[in-house]
N, C-alpha and C. Protein backbone atom coordinates (compact mmCIF):
# COMPACT_ATOMS: atom_id res chain seq x y z
N MET A 1 17.99 -12.38 -0.52
CA MET A 1 17.93 -11.26 0.40
C MET A 1 16.76 -11.47 1.35
N SER A 2 17.01 -11.32 2.62
CA SER A 2 15.97 -11.45 3.62
C SER A 2 15.19 -10.15 3.75
N THR A 3 13.89 -10.27 3.91
CA THR A 3 13.05 -9.07 4.06
C THR A 3 12.62 -8.88 5.50
N LYS A 4 13.06 -9.73 6.41
CA LYS A 4 12.56 -9.66 7.78
C LYS A 4 13.10 -8.47 8.58
N ASN A 5 14.13 -7.78 8.09
CA ASN A 5 14.69 -6.66 8.82
C ASN A 5 14.46 -5.31 8.15
N ILE A 6 13.67 -5.25 7.11
CA ILE A 6 13.42 -4.00 6.40
C ILE A 6 12.50 -3.11 7.24
N VAL A 7 12.97 -1.89 7.56
CA VAL A 7 12.15 -0.96 8.34
C VAL A 7 11.70 0.24 7.50
N GLN A 8 12.38 0.48 6.36
CA GLN A 8 11.98 1.55 5.46
C GLN A 8 12.11 1.04 4.03
N LEU A 9 11.05 1.29 3.24
CA LEU A 9 11.05 0.85 1.86
C LEU A 9 10.58 2.01 0.99
N THR A 10 11.43 2.43 0.06
CA THR A 10 11.11 3.53 -0.85
C THR A 10 10.96 2.97 -2.25
N LEU A 11 9.73 3.09 -2.77
CA LEU A 11 9.43 2.61 -4.12
C LEU A 11 8.82 3.73 -4.96
N ALA A 12 9.09 4.96 -4.58
CA ALA A 12 8.51 6.12 -5.26
C ALA A 12 8.92 6.15 -6.72
N ASN A 13 7.94 6.53 -7.56
CA ASN A 13 8.17 6.74 -8.99
C ASN A 13 8.76 5.52 -9.68
N ASN A 14 8.18 4.36 -9.43
CA ASN A 14 8.66 3.11 -10.02
C ASN A 14 7.65 2.44 -10.94
N ARG A 15 6.58 3.12 -11.28
CA ARG A 15 5.56 2.58 -12.18
C ARG A 15 5.00 1.25 -11.68
N LEU A 16 4.70 1.20 -10.39
CA LEU A 16 4.13 -0.02 -9.83
C LEU A 16 2.80 -0.32 -10.49
N ASP A 17 2.58 -1.58 -10.82
CA ASP A 17 1.32 -1.98 -11.42
C ASP A 17 0.51 -2.81 -10.43
N ARG A 18 -0.60 -3.35 -10.91
CA ARG A 18 -1.49 -4.13 -10.05
C ARG A 18 -0.76 -5.30 -9.40
N GLN A 19 0.07 -6.00 -10.17
CA GLN A 19 0.82 -7.14 -9.63
C GLN A 19 1.81 -6.70 -8.55
N CYS A 20 2.42 -5.54 -8.73
CA CYS A 20 3.36 -5.02 -7.73
C CYS A 20 2.63 -4.72 -6.43
N TYR A 21 1.45 -4.09 -6.53
CA TYR A 21 0.68 -3.81 -5.32
C TYR A 21 0.20 -5.09 -4.66
N HIS A 22 -0.12 -6.11 -5.46
CA HIS A 22 -0.51 -7.41 -4.91
C HIS A 22 0.66 -8.00 -4.12
N SER A 23 1.85 -7.97 -4.71
CA SER A 23 3.04 -8.49 -4.02
C SER A 23 3.36 -7.69 -2.77
N LEU A 24 3.19 -6.39 -2.84
CA LEU A 24 3.44 -5.54 -1.69
C LEU A 24 2.44 -5.84 -0.57
N SER A 25 1.20 -6.11 -0.93
CA SER A 25 0.19 -6.49 0.07
C SER A 25 0.59 -7.79 0.75
N LYS A 26 1.06 -8.77 -0.02
CA LYS A 26 1.51 -10.04 0.55
C LYS A 26 2.69 -9.81 1.50
N PHE A 27 3.60 -8.92 1.12
CA PHE A 27 4.74 -8.59 1.97
C PHE A 27 4.26 -7.99 3.30
N LEU A 28 3.31 -7.06 3.22
CA LEU A 28 2.79 -6.43 4.44
C LEU A 28 2.06 -7.44 5.32
N GLU A 29 1.40 -8.40 4.73
CA GLU A 29 0.66 -9.41 5.49
C GLU A 29 1.59 -10.32 6.29
N LYS A 30 2.87 -10.32 5.95
CA LYS A 30 3.85 -11.14 6.68
C LYS A 30 4.28 -10.48 7.99
N LYS A 31 3.76 -9.30 8.27
CA LYS A 31 4.01 -8.58 9.53
C LYS A 31 5.49 -8.28 9.74
N SER A 32 6.16 -7.79 8.73
CA SER A 32 7.55 -7.38 8.82
C SER A 32 7.66 -6.19 9.78
N PRO A 33 8.88 -5.83 10.19
CA PRO A 33 9.06 -4.67 11.07
C PRO A 33 9.03 -3.33 10.33
N LEU A 34 8.50 -3.32 9.12
CA LEU A 34 8.46 -2.10 8.31
C LEU A 34 7.76 -0.96 9.05
N LYS A 35 8.39 0.21 9.05
CA LYS A 35 7.83 1.39 9.70
C LYS A 35 7.46 2.48 8.70
N ILE A 36 8.20 2.58 7.60
CA ILE A 36 7.98 3.64 6.61
C ILE A 36 7.89 3.02 5.22
N LEU A 37 6.82 3.36 4.50
CA LEU A 37 6.62 2.88 3.14
C LEU A 37 6.31 4.07 2.24
N GLU A 38 7.17 4.31 1.27
CA GLU A 38 7.01 5.45 0.36
C GLU A 38 6.64 4.94 -1.03
N LEU A 39 5.45 5.34 -1.49
CA LEU A 39 4.94 4.90 -2.78
C LEU A 39 4.58 6.06 -3.70
N ASP A 40 5.02 7.25 -3.37
CA ASP A 40 4.68 8.44 -4.16
C ASP A 40 4.86 8.19 -5.66
N GLU A 41 3.96 8.80 -6.45
CA GLU A 41 4.04 8.76 -7.92
C GLU A 41 3.80 7.38 -8.52
N ASN A 42 3.09 6.51 -7.82
CA ASN A 42 2.73 5.19 -8.33
C ASN A 42 1.21 5.05 -8.30
N PRO A 43 0.53 5.36 -9.39
CA PRO A 43 -0.93 5.33 -9.41
C PRO A 43 -1.52 3.98 -9.00
N ILE A 44 -2.54 4.05 -8.18
CA ILE A 44 -3.31 2.87 -7.79
C ILE A 44 -4.63 3.00 -8.54
N ASP A 45 -4.83 2.17 -9.56
CA ASP A 45 -6.01 2.34 -10.40
C ASP A 45 -6.90 1.10 -10.49
N ASP A 46 -6.65 0.12 -9.66
CA ASP A 46 -7.47 -1.08 -9.65
C ASP A 46 -8.19 -1.16 -8.30
N VAL A 47 -9.52 -1.25 -8.33
CA VAL A 47 -10.32 -1.21 -7.11
C VAL A 47 -9.99 -2.37 -6.17
N GLY A 48 -9.96 -3.57 -6.69
CA GLY A 48 -9.65 -4.73 -5.86
C GLY A 48 -8.27 -4.67 -5.25
N CYS A 49 -7.33 -4.22 -6.03
CA CYS A 49 -5.96 -4.06 -5.57
C CYS A 49 -5.89 -3.01 -4.46
N ALA A 50 -6.58 -1.90 -4.65
CA ALA A 50 -6.58 -0.84 -3.64
C ALA A 50 -7.18 -1.33 -2.34
N GLN A 51 -8.24 -2.10 -2.44
CA GLN A 51 -8.90 -2.61 -1.24
C GLN A 51 -7.99 -3.58 -0.48
N ARG A 52 -7.39 -4.50 -1.19
CA ARG A 52 -6.50 -5.46 -0.52
C ARG A 52 -5.29 -4.76 0.09
N PHE A 53 -4.72 -3.82 -0.65
CA PHE A 53 -3.58 -3.08 -0.14
C PHE A 53 -3.96 -2.30 1.11
N SER A 54 -5.11 -1.66 1.09
CA SER A 54 -5.59 -0.91 2.25
C SER A 54 -5.76 -1.81 3.46
N GLU A 55 -6.33 -2.98 3.26
CA GLU A 55 -6.50 -3.93 4.36
C GLU A 55 -5.16 -4.34 4.94
N ALA A 56 -4.18 -4.58 4.07
CA ALA A 56 -2.85 -4.98 4.53
C ALA A 56 -2.17 -3.85 5.32
N VAL A 57 -2.34 -2.62 4.86
CA VAL A 57 -1.76 -1.46 5.55
C VAL A 57 -2.40 -1.30 6.93
N ILE A 58 -3.72 -1.37 6.98
CA ILE A 58 -4.42 -1.19 8.26
C ILE A 58 -4.05 -2.27 9.26
N ALA A 59 -3.88 -3.50 8.80
CA ALA A 59 -3.58 -4.61 9.70
C ALA A 59 -2.11 -4.69 10.10
N HIS A 60 -1.25 -3.95 9.41
CA HIS A 60 0.18 -4.05 9.69
C HIS A 60 0.49 -3.48 11.07
N PRO A 61 1.19 -4.24 11.91
CA PRO A 61 1.39 -3.82 13.30
C PRO A 61 2.41 -2.71 13.54
N SER A 62 3.34 -2.49 12.63
CA SER A 62 4.39 -1.51 12.93
C SER A 62 4.48 -0.35 11.94
N LEU A 63 3.70 -0.36 10.89
CA LEU A 63 3.77 0.70 9.89
C LEU A 63 3.32 2.03 10.50
N GLU A 64 4.21 3.00 10.47
CA GLU A 64 3.94 4.30 11.07
C GLU A 64 3.69 5.39 10.03
N LYS A 65 4.28 5.24 8.85
CA LYS A 65 4.17 6.29 7.85
C LYS A 65 4.01 5.67 6.47
N LEU A 66 2.95 6.10 5.78
CA LEU A 66 2.69 5.66 4.41
C LEU A 66 2.61 6.90 3.54
N MET A 67 3.45 6.98 2.53
CA MET A 67 3.47 8.14 1.64
C MET A 67 2.91 7.72 0.28
N VAL A 68 1.81 8.37 -0.12
CA VAL A 68 1.14 8.04 -1.38
C VAL A 68 0.79 9.31 -2.17
N ASP A 69 1.66 10.30 -2.11
CA ASP A 69 1.43 11.53 -2.89
C ASP A 69 1.40 11.20 -4.38
N ASN A 70 0.49 11.84 -5.08
CA ASN A 70 0.35 11.70 -6.53
C ASN A 70 0.16 10.26 -6.98
N CYS A 71 -0.63 9.51 -6.20
CA CYS A 71 -0.99 8.15 -6.59
C CYS A 71 -2.40 8.10 -7.19
N GLY A 72 -3.01 9.27 -7.35
CA GLY A 72 -4.31 9.35 -7.99
C GLY A 72 -5.48 8.96 -7.11
N LEU A 73 -5.27 8.84 -5.82
CA LEU A 73 -6.34 8.39 -4.93
C LEU A 73 -7.50 9.37 -4.88
N GLY A 74 -7.24 10.65 -4.99
CA GLY A 74 -8.31 11.64 -4.94
C GLY A 74 -9.07 11.80 -6.24
N ASN A 75 -8.61 11.12 -7.29
CA ASN A 75 -9.23 11.26 -8.61
C ASN A 75 -10.21 10.16 -8.95
N ASN A 76 -10.32 9.15 -8.11
CA ASN A 76 -11.14 7.99 -8.44
C ASN A 76 -12.04 7.65 -7.27
N THR A 77 -13.32 7.93 -7.40
CA THR A 77 -14.25 7.69 -6.29
C THR A 77 -14.42 6.21 -5.99
N GLN A 78 -14.27 5.34 -6.98
CA GLN A 78 -14.36 3.90 -6.73
C GLN A 78 -13.21 3.42 -5.86
N ILE A 79 -12.02 3.93 -6.14
CA ILE A 79 -10.85 3.57 -5.32
C ILE A 79 -11.04 4.09 -3.90
N LEU A 80 -11.47 5.33 -3.76
CA LEU A 80 -11.69 5.90 -2.43
C LEU A 80 -12.75 5.11 -1.67
N SER A 81 -13.80 4.69 -2.33
CA SER A 81 -14.84 3.91 -1.68
C SER A 81 -14.31 2.55 -1.24
N ALA A 82 -13.48 1.93 -2.07
CA ALA A 82 -12.89 0.64 -1.71
C ALA A 82 -12.00 0.77 -0.48
N ILE A 83 -11.20 1.82 -0.44
CA ILE A 83 -10.32 2.06 0.70
C ILE A 83 -11.16 2.35 1.95
N ALA A 84 -12.16 3.20 1.79
CA ALA A 84 -13.01 3.56 2.93
C ALA A 84 -13.72 2.33 3.50
N SER A 85 -14.12 1.41 2.64
CA SER A 85 -14.84 0.22 3.11
C SER A 85 -13.95 -0.65 4.00
N THR A 86 -12.65 -0.59 3.82
CA THR A 86 -11.76 -1.37 4.67
C THR A 86 -11.58 -0.73 6.04
N MET A 87 -11.92 0.53 6.15
CA MET A 87 -11.74 1.27 7.41
C MET A 87 -12.96 1.20 8.31
N ASN A 88 -14.04 0.66 7.81
CA ASN A 88 -15.29 0.59 8.59
C ASN A 88 -15.40 -0.75 9.29
N GLY A 89 -14.44 -1.10 10.06
CA GLY A 89 -14.51 -2.41 10.68
C GLY A 89 -14.29 -2.32 12.09
């Protein structure tokens, strides 16, 4: 299956782990035409993973909407700091 034409990807409530977020970051780094990414209900609990994912999201040229409800981002100050550090550039 080709991923070059995916414009919307819904992965909500799929128990994504660190490896899944790593793979998703690699996918985003390929600059696909993705516009909407839904990740609701998939906790991000690894600082390094959160930072790399954040960098990939920020650098993505066409992503317009990222949904991360109930991913635990507001519960972990280390994760929030890692994400914030990618935005100070």
